């Protein structure tokens, strides 16, 4: 079972950092999709107003192209997806373009709508995503982002028996503001659709909203909150079905300055629920988690920065009800939509997350205006790794 930490928001590096990639966030115990606590360039995907802090740079995240279905389309530490972009300042404004930052949650929900015959009747996940950013300063720092993804594919099914024609399209708008010691944001999904024109399988997102913000005291203690909800309709051969996902994150952390770096401690309260009104019957998954993360980062030399963290869930619970109604069998498709290491019953019951203690380490190698970030961490018996490059111009 994966030792992937179920955490939203980690890290207490409150100041703007010269290093900002998934490799760095993971080494510090953070989550790479919606890192609510970290003030670096990955935070712009949660609050677009922070694009004002990151002009004149190119970021490249090494990985595979991610074309396909199922787990092949998820961005994981063991099999990352390629992505990257650039940002440029122009007077009081900053603009940017980022490619390939598809959502794992959106992909997982499409996989769910592909069940039970996902090998043949699967749906395309979001692909070819581009994100346009614009930000400026007028009393407060403001920012906006427009997200669009579209693909039209004619490919052989996973088991090689069917030729599937698939269409997928997604669109979203992100708005944010920040000033001094606070920030706020609202992100809205305008469209999220996927169709298999051969089998009739369909996913249609009906509502997607995320709101949140943070407040920092004395420049070293930060409190944050975020709420996300997403509802959808689907067709997978049984008739019309609908589902809803919600996620609540509340957290706090404190940073301690030390010579050449920092040490941090943080915790969070996280609730993630998924419910599917399936034709065979309702399926439901409710999760609660209270993690603690301790980490440090230090500049060892002019060209080397070292970092690491240890994390553990001090309390967790997952309650599942009739998940087979959603998956078509005892598989982990519904669970994968919200947690990578869900260990509960697939029919009915409560369980705690297992093996949540995790140590991760990483480093940044700096040469003039180029930073290379590397990360390694455990994944059961395997070792995960990521590599990224940032060029400042």
Protein backbone atom coordinates (compact mmCIF):
# COMPACT_ATOMS: atom_id res chain seq x y z
CA UNK A 1 0.00 0.00 0.00
CA UNK A 2 1.36 3.38 -0.89
CA UNK A 3 2.93 5.48 1.84
CA UNK A 4 1.58 8.63 0.25
CA UNK A 5 0.71 11.26 2.83
CA UNK A 6 -2.86 12.54 2.60
CA UNK A 7 -2.20 16.19 3.29
CA UNK A 8 -3.34 19.39 1.86
CA UNK A 9 -1.22 22.37 2.84
CA UNK A 10 2.07 21.93 4.38
CA UNK A 11 5.21 23.84 4.97
CA UNK A 12 5.79 27.00 6.82
CA UNK A 13 8.13 28.80 4.53
CA UNK A 14 6.14 32.01 4.56
CA UNK A 15 8.52 34.20 2.64
CA UNK A 16 8.93 34.17 -1.13
CA UNK A 17 11.47 31.56 -2.16
CA UNK A 18 13.81 31.38 -5.10
CA UNK A 19 12.96 27.68 -5.40
CA UNK A 20 9.47 26.60 -6.33
CA UNK A 21 8.72 23.24 -7.93
CA UNK A 22 6.90 20.02 -7.09
CA UNK A 23 10.24 18.43 -6.18
CA UNK A 24 10.82 21.06 -3.52
CA UNK A 25 7.28 20.93 -2.13
CA UNK A 26 7.33 17.15 -1.78
CA UNK A 27 10.70 17.20 -0.02
CA UNK A 28 9.16 19.59 2.52
CA UNK A 29 6.16 17.30 3.07
CA UNK A 30 3.76 19.38 1.00
CA UNK A 31 1.03 18.44 -1.45
CA UNK A 32 1.50 19.51 -5.06
CA UNK A 33 -2.16 19.97 -6.01
CA UNK A 34 -3.52 22.84 -3.90
CA UNK A 35 -0.62 23.56 -1.55
CA UNK A 36 -2.45 26.03 0.67
CA UNK A 37 0.45 26.90 2.96
CA UNK A 38 3.39 27.49 0.69
CA UNK A 39 4.20 30.93 -0.69
CA UNK A 40 6.04 29.97 -3.84
CA UNK A 41 5.17 29.83 -7.51
CA UNK A 42 3.08 26.63 -7.19
CA UNK A 43 0.65 28.64 -5.06
CA UNK A 44 -0.40 30.64 -8.13
CA UNK A 45 -2.55 27.67 -9.17
CA UNK A 46 -4.59 28.21 -5.99
CA UNK A 47 -4.43 32.02 -5.76
CA UNK A 48 -3.68 33.64 -9.12
CA UNK A 49 -2.73 36.99 -7.52
CA UNK A 50 0.66 35.60 -6.47
CA UNK A 51 1.72 35.59 -10.12
CA UNK A 52 2.90 39.14 -9.35
CA UNK A 53 5.74 37.65 -7.28
CA UNK A 54 7.15 35.44 -10.03
CA UNK A 55 8.05 37.27 -13.20
CA UNK A 56 10.92 36.69 -15.63
CA UNK A 57 11.34 32.95 -15.22
CA UNK A 58 10.80 29.60 -16.93
CA UNK A 59 9.80 26.45 -14.98
CA UNK A 60 10.10 22.91 -16.40
CA UNK A 61 8.83 19.81 -14.56
CA UNK A 62 10.32 16.60 -15.96
CA UNK A 63 7.88 13.74 -16.71
CA UNK A 64 6.03 11.63 -19.25
CA UNK A 65 3.41 12.90 -21.70
CA UNK A 66 0.60 11.16 -19.80
CA UNK A 67 -1.56 10.17 -22.77
CA UNK A 68 -3.91 7.27 -22.09
CA UNK A 69 -6.42 6.32 -19.45
CA UNK A 70 -6.56 5.21 -15.86
CA UNK A 71 -3.50 5.55 -13.71
CA UNK A 72 -1.40 6.37 -16.77
CA UNK A 73 -2.92 9.85 -16.84
CA UNK A 74 -2.37 10.69 -13.15
CA UNK A 75 0.57 12.81 -12.09
CA UNK A 76 2.25 10.66 -9.43
CA UNK A 77 5.62 10.83 -7.71
CA UNK A 78 6.56 7.47 -9.22
CA UNK A 79 5.39 8.41 -12.72
CA UNK A 80 5.21 12.23 -13.04
CA UNK A 81 3.68 14.10 -15.96
CA UNK A 82 5.58 16.72 -17.90
CA UNK A 83 4.53 20.35 -17.46
CA UNK A 84 5.99 23.83 -17.44
CA UNK A 85 5.56 27.48 -18.29
CA UNK A 86 6.98 30.99 -18.27
CA UNK A 87 6.18 34.27 -16.49
CA UNK A 88 7.16 37.83 -17.49
CA UNK A 89 6.92 41.19 -15.75
CA UNK A 90 5.81 44.26 -17.69
CA UNK A 91 5.72 47.40 -15.55
CA UNK A 92 3.15 46.91 -12.79
CA UNK A 93 1.77 43.82 -14.51
CA UNK A 94 2.86 40.19 -14.75
CA UNK A 95 1.63 37.69 -17.33
CA UNK A 96 2.34 34.04 -17.93
CA UNK A 97 1.47 30.81 -19.71
CA UNK A 98 1.62 27.34 -18.14
CA UNK A 99 1.14 24.02 -19.98
CA UNK A 100 0.12 20.56 -18.80
CA UNK A 101 -1.01 21.19 -15.21
CA UNK A 102 -4.05 18.89 -15.43
CA UNK A 103 -5.96 18.08 -12.23
CA UNK A 104 -5.63 14.60 -10.72
CA UNK A 105 -9.10 14.95 -9.17
CA UNK A 106 -10.71 15.66 -12.56
CA UNK A 107 -8.91 12.67 -14.03
CA UNK A 108 -9.98 10.38 -11.17
CA UNK A 109 -13.64 11.34 -11.54
CA UNK A 110 -13.49 10.56 -15.26
CA UNK A 111 -12.01 7.16 -14.41
CA UNK A 112 -14.94 6.61 -12.04
CA UNK A 113 -17.41 7.40 -14.84
CA UNK A 114 -15.60 4.79 -16.98
CA UNK A 115 -16.42 1.90 -14.61
CA UNK A 116 -17.24 -0.95 -14.66
CA UNK A 117 -15.71 -1.79 -18.06
CA UNK A 118 -12.88 0.71 -17.89
CA UNK A 119 -10.67 -1.44 -20.11
CA UNK A 120 -12.90 -0.84 -23.12
CA UNK A 121 -15.41 1.92 -22.36
CA UNK A 122 -13.10 4.38 -20.69
CA UNK A 123 -13.25 8.16 -20.92
CA UNK A 124 -10.47 10.51 -21.94
CA UNK A 125 -8.98 12.56 -19.13
CA UNK A 126 -8.16 16.26 -19.43
CA UNK A 127 -5.22 16.82 -21.74
CA UNK A 128 -3.45 19.64 -23.58
CA UNK A 129 -4.30 22.03 -20.76
CA UNK A 130 -3.08 25.61 -20.95
CA UNK A 131 -3.40 28.26 -18.26
CA UNK A 132 -3.11 32.00 -18.97
CA UNK A 133 -2.20 34.34 -16.09
CA UNK A 134 -2.44 38.10 -15.65
CA UNK A 135 -1.74 40.04 -12.48
CA UNK A 136 -1.22 43.61 -11.35
CA UNK A 137 -0.96 45.97 -8.40
CA UNK A 138 -3.59 48.57 -7.47
CA UNK A 139 -3.73 48.97 -3.70
CA UNK A 140 -3.77 45.18 -3.45
CA UNK A 141 -2.10 42.54 -5.58
CA UNK A 142 -4.71 41.05 -7.89
CA UNK A 143 -4.58 38.21 -10.36
CA UNK A 144 -6.68 36.13 -12.71
CA UNK A 145 -6.16 32.92 -14.65
CA UNK A 146 -8.08 31.28 -17.48
CA UNK A 147 -7.79 27.49 -17.84
CA UNK A 148 -8.68 25.60 -21.02
CA UNK A 149 -8.15 22.00 -22.08
CA UNK A 150 -9.43 20.21 -25.17
CA UNK A 151 -8.69 16.92 -26.90
CA UNK A 152 -10.24 14.74 -29.61
CA UNK A 153 -8.85 11.20 -29.77
CA UNK A 154 -9.41 8.07 -31.84
CA UNK A 155 -7.47 5.34 -30.05
CA UNK A 156 -7.51 1.61 -29.34
CA UNK A 157 -8.91 0.58 -25.95
CA UNK A 158 -6.63 -0.51 -23.11
CA UNK A 159 -7.35 -4.21 -23.73
CA UNK A 160 -6.89 -3.80 -27.50
CA UNK A 161 -10.41 -4.94 -28.45
CA UNK A 162 -12.17 -1.65 -29.22
CA UNK A 163 -11.46 1.49 -31.22
CA UNK A 164 -12.72 4.40 -29.11
CA UNK A 165 -13.49 7.90 -30.35
CA UNK A 166 -13.30 10.29 -27.41
CA UNK A 167 -13.80 14.00 -26.82
CA UNK A 168 -12.86 16.01 -23.73
CA UNK A 169 -13.13 19.71 -22.90
CA UNK A 170 -12.65 21.73 -19.71
CA UNK A 171 -12.66 25.42 -18.80
CA UNK A 172 -12.17 27.35 -15.55
CA UNK A 173 -11.55 30.86 -14.18
CA UNK A 174 -9.44 31.70 -11.13
CA UNK A 175 -9.52 35.03 -9.25
CA UNK A 176 -7.41 36.12 -6.30
CA UNK A 177 -6.13 39.04 -4.22
CA UNK A 178 -3.43 39.42 -1.57
CA UNK A 179 -1.81 42.15 0.50
CA UNK A 180 0.80 42.10 3.24
CA UNK A 181 -0.30 39.29 5.60
CA UNK A 182 -3.54 38.00 4.00
CA UNK A 183 -4.89 36.53 0.77
CA UNK A 184 -8.25 35.36 -0.63
CA UNK A 185 -9.33 33.53 -3.77
CA UNK A 186 -12.27 32.06 -5.68
CA UNK A 187 -11.83 29.48 -8.45
CA UNK A 188 -14.77 28.38 -10.62
CA UNK A 189 -15.07 25.50 -13.08
CA UNK A 190 -17.06 26.67 -16.11
CA UNK A 191 -17.04 23.40 -18.05
CA UNK A 192 -15.78 19.84 -17.60
CA UNK A 193 -17.01 17.29 -20.12
CA UNK A 194 -15.78 13.96 -21.43
CA UNK A 195 -17.48 11.62 -23.92
CA UNK A 196 -16.83 8.22 -25.43
CA UNK A 197 -18.80 8.44 -28.68
CA UNK A 198 -18.60 4.68 -29.25
CA UNK A 199 -19.73 3.32 -25.88
CA UNK A 200 -21.88 6.27 -24.76
CA UNK A 201 -19.98 6.76 -21.51
CA UNK A 202 -20.17 10.40 -20.46
CA UNK A 203 -18.94 12.71 -17.70
CA UNK A 204 -20.49 16.19 -17.34
CA UNK A 205 -19.35 18.49 -14.55
CA UNK A 206 -22.26 20.63 -13.33
CA UNK A 207 -20.65 22.80 -10.63
CA UNK A 208 -17.13 23.34 -9.38
CA UNK A 209 -16.15 26.03 -6.86
CA UNK A 210 -13.17 26.58 -4.57
CA UNK A 211 -12.90 29.46 -2.07
CA UNK A 212 -10.33 30.16 0.60
CA UNK A 213 -7.68 32.39 2.07
CA UNK A 214 -5.04 32.82 4.75
CA UNK A 215 -3.85 35.21 7.47
CA UNK A 216 -0.30 35.49 8.84
CA UNK A 217 0.66 36.81 12.30
CA UNK A 218 4.11 38.19 13.14
CA UNK A 219 5.44 37.01 9.77
CA UNK A 220 5.97 33.49 11.11
CA UNK A 221 2.57 32.01 12.07
CA UNK A 222 0.01 31.31 9.37
CA UNK A 223 -3.63 30.20 9.47
CA UNK A 224 -5.51 29.14 6.36
CA UNK A 225 -8.78 27.67 5.17
CA UNK A 226 -10.09 26.29 1.89
CA UNK A 227 -13.34 24.69 0.77
CA UNK A 228 -13.84 22.94 -2.56
CA UNK A 229 -16.97 21.33 -4.00
CA UNK A 230 -17.56 19.63 -7.34
CA UNK A 231 -20.70 17.94 -8.66
CA UNK A 232 -21.23 16.01 -11.87
CA UNK A 233 -23.56 13.82 -13.95
CA UNK A 234 -22.34 10.62 -15.56
CA UNK A 235 -23.45 7.79 -17.84
CA UNK A 236 -21.59 4.45 -17.79
CA UNK A 237 -24.14 2.02 -19.22
CA UNK A 238 -26.51 1.76 -16.23
CA UNK A 239 -28.48 4.97 -16.81
CA UNK A 240 -28.18 8.53 -15.53
CA UNK A 241 -26.12 8.94 -12.33
CA UNK A 242 -24.76 11.91 -10.39
CA UNK A 243 -22.06 12.54 -7.82
CA UNK A 244 -20.53 15.15 -5.55
CA UNK A 245 -17.09 15.68 -4.04
CA UNK A 246 -16.26 18.14 -1.25
CA UNK A 247 -13.03 18.97 0.54
CA UNK A 248 -12.39 21.17 3.60
CA UNK A 249 -8.89 22.15 4.72
CA UNK A 250 -8.11 24.15 7.87
CA UNK A 251 -4.53 24.50 9.03
CA UNK A 252 -1.85 26.42 10.87
CA UNK A 253 1.92 26.37 11.10
CA UNK A 254 4.89 28.21 12.55
CA UNK A 255 8.32 28.90 11.11
CA UNK A 256 11.50 29.28 13.16
CA UNK A 257 14.34 31.20 11.52
CA UNK A 258 17.81 29.70 11.91
CA UNK A 259 21.15 30.72 10.44
CA UNK A 260 21.07 29.97 6.74
CA UNK A 261 17.55 28.54 6.72
CA UNK A 262 14.43 27.68 8.68
CA UNK A 263 12.63 24.97 10.65
CA UNK A 264 8.85 24.60 10.61
CA UNK A 265 6.04 22.71 12.33
CA UNK A 266 2.50 22.64 11.01
CA UNK A 267 -0.76 20.73 11.30
CA UNK A 268 -4.09 20.62 9.47
CA UNK A 269 -7.65 19.37 9.73
CA UNK A 270 -8.86 17.81 6.48
CA UNK A 271 -12.24 16.38 5.52
CA UNK A 272 -12.85 14.85 2.07
CA UNK A 273 -16.18 13.31 1.07
CA UNK A 274 -17.35 11.67 -2.15
CA UNK A 275 -20.91 10.52 -2.85
CA UNK A 276 -22.24 8.86 -6.00
CA UNK A 277 -25.95 8.30 -6.61
CA UNK A 278 -25.43 5.23 -8.76
CA UNK A 279 -28.17 3.15 -10.40
CA UNK A 280 -27.19 0.03 -8.36
CA UNK A 281 -27.40 2.17 -5.18
CA UNK A 282 -25.69 5.03 -3.38
CA UNK A 283 -21.92 4.79 -2.80
CA UNK A 284 -20.23 7.01 -0.23
CA UNK A 285 -16.75 7.66 1.12
CA UNK A 286 -16.07 10.01 4.07
CA UNK A 287 -12.53 10.75 5.23
CA UNK A 288 -11.02 12.78 8.07
CA UNK A 289 -7.33 13.39 8.70
CA UNK A 290 -5.14 15.30 11.19
CA UNK A 291 -1.52 15.33 9.99
CA UNK A 292 1.60 16.80 11.60
CA UNK A 293 4.63 17.79 9.52
CA UNK A 294 8.09 18.83 10.72
CA UNK A 295 10.67 20.03 8.24
CA UNK A 296 13.74 22.12 7.59
CA UNK A 297 15.54 23.86 4.75
CA UNK A 298 19.07 25.26 4.78
CA UNK A 299 21.50 26.77 2.31
CA UNK A 300 24.57 24.57 2.73
CA UNK A 301 26.71 26.45 0.18
CA UNK A 302 26.22 29.11 -2.48
CA UNK A 303 25.28 26.37 -4.95
CA UNK A 304 23.52 23.80 -2.73
CA UNK A 305 20.31 24.02 -0.68
CA UNK A 306 19.20 21.00 1.36
CA UNK A 307 15.72 20.25 2.70
CA UNK A 308 13.74 17.45 4.27
CA UNK A 309 10.66 16.59 6.31
CA UNK A 310 8.92 13.93 8.35
CA UNK A 311 5.13 13.64 8.35
CA UNK A 312 2.55 11.46 10.05
CA UNK A 313 -1.19 11.30 10.49
CA UNK A 314 -1.91 11.48 14.23
CA UNK A 315 -5.62 10.80 13.62
CA UNK A 316 -7.44 9.53 10.55
CA UNK A 317 -10.66 7.79 9.64
CA UNK A 318 -12.23 6.60 6.41
CA UNK A 319 -15.82 5.41 6.37
CA UNK A 320 -17.02 3.63 3.24
CA UNK A 321 -20.54 2.65 2.28
CA UNK A 322 -21.24 0.34 -0.68
CA UNK A 323 -18.34 1.46 -2.86
CA UNK A 324 -18.98 -1.50 -5.17
CA UNK A 325 -22.06 0.37 -6.43
CA UNK A 326 -19.71 2.98 -7.87
CA UNK A 327 -16.85 0.81 -9.05
CA UNK A 328 -18.68 -2.27 -10.26
CA UNK A 329 -16.55 -4.45 -8.01
CA UNK A 330 -13.96 -4.47 -5.20
CA UNK A 331 -11.62 -1.95 -6.84
CA UNK A 332 -10.14 1.29 -5.59
CA UNK A 333 -11.49 3.64 -8.27
CA UNK A 334 -13.76 5.72 -6.03
CA UNK A 335 -11.12 5.89 -3.32
CA UNK A 336 -8.48 7.03 -5.78
CA UNK A 337 -10.60 10.09 -6.50
CA UNK A 338 -9.75 11.48 -3.10
CA UNK A 339 -6.93 9.60 -1.37
CA UNK A 340 -4.05 7.62 -2.78
CA UNK A 341 -3.57 5.42 0.29
CA UNK A 342 -7.16 4.62 1.28
CA UNK A 343 -7.18 1.36 3.26
CA UNK A 344 -10.82 1.01 4.25
CA UNK A 345 -13.51 -1.54 3.49
CA UNK A 346 -14.84 -1.48 -0.05
CA UNK A 347 -18.37 -2.36 1.09
CA UNK A 348 -19.11 -1.00 4.56
CA UNK A 349 -16.96 0.00 7.51
CA UNK A 350 -14.47 2.34 9.15
CA UNK A 351 -10.69 2.24 8.97
CA UNK A 352 -7.67 4.38 9.73
CA UNK A 353 -5.01 5.27 7.18
CA UNK A 354 -2.07 2.91 7.46
CA UNK A 355 1.68 3.50 7.30
CA UNK A 356 1.44 7.29 7.19
CA UNK A 357 4.91 8.08 8.59
CA UNK A 358 7.00 9.38 5.75
CA UNK A 359 10.45 10.92 5.41
CA UNK A 360 11.29 12.93 2.28
CA UNK A 361 14.48 14.71 1.29
CA UNK A 362 15.53 16.99 -1.53
CA UNK A 363 18.04 19.51 -2.77
CA UNK A 364 18.47 22.46 -5.11
CA UNK A 365 21.60 22.84 -7.22
CA UNK A 366 22.17 26.44 -8.33
CA UNK A 367 24.38 27.60 -11.19
CA UNK A 368 24.14 31.31 -11.97
CA UNK A 369 20.45 31.80 -12.92
CA UNK A 370 19.51 28.11 -13.14
CA UNK A 371 18.08 26.01 -10.27
CA UNK A 372 17.76 22.21 -10.48
CA UNK A 373 15.42 20.72 -7.87
CA UNK A 374 15.56 17.01 -6.98
CA UNK A 375 13.41 14.98 -4.60
CA UNK A 376 13.27 11.42 -3.28
CA UNK A 377 10.80 9.75 -0.94
CA UNK A 378 9.41 6.32 -0.07
CA UNK A 379 6.40 4.67 -1.71
CA UNK A 380 5.95 1.35 0.03
CA UNK A 381 8.84 -0.78 -1.20
CA UNK A 382 9.59 1.67 -4.02
CA UNK A 383 11.36 5.02 -4.11
CA UNK A 384 9.77 8.04 -5.76
CA UNK A 385 11.68 10.88 -7.36
CA UNK A 386 11.10 14.14 -9.21
CA UNK A 387 13.35 16.54 -11.09
CA UNK A 388 12.61 20.11 -12.17
CA UNK A 389 14.44 23.12 -13.56
CA UNK A 390 13.88 26.83 -13.06
CA UNK A 391 15.59 29.50 -15.19
CA UNK A 392 15.52 33.17 -14.15
CA UNK A 393 16.04 35.64 -16.99
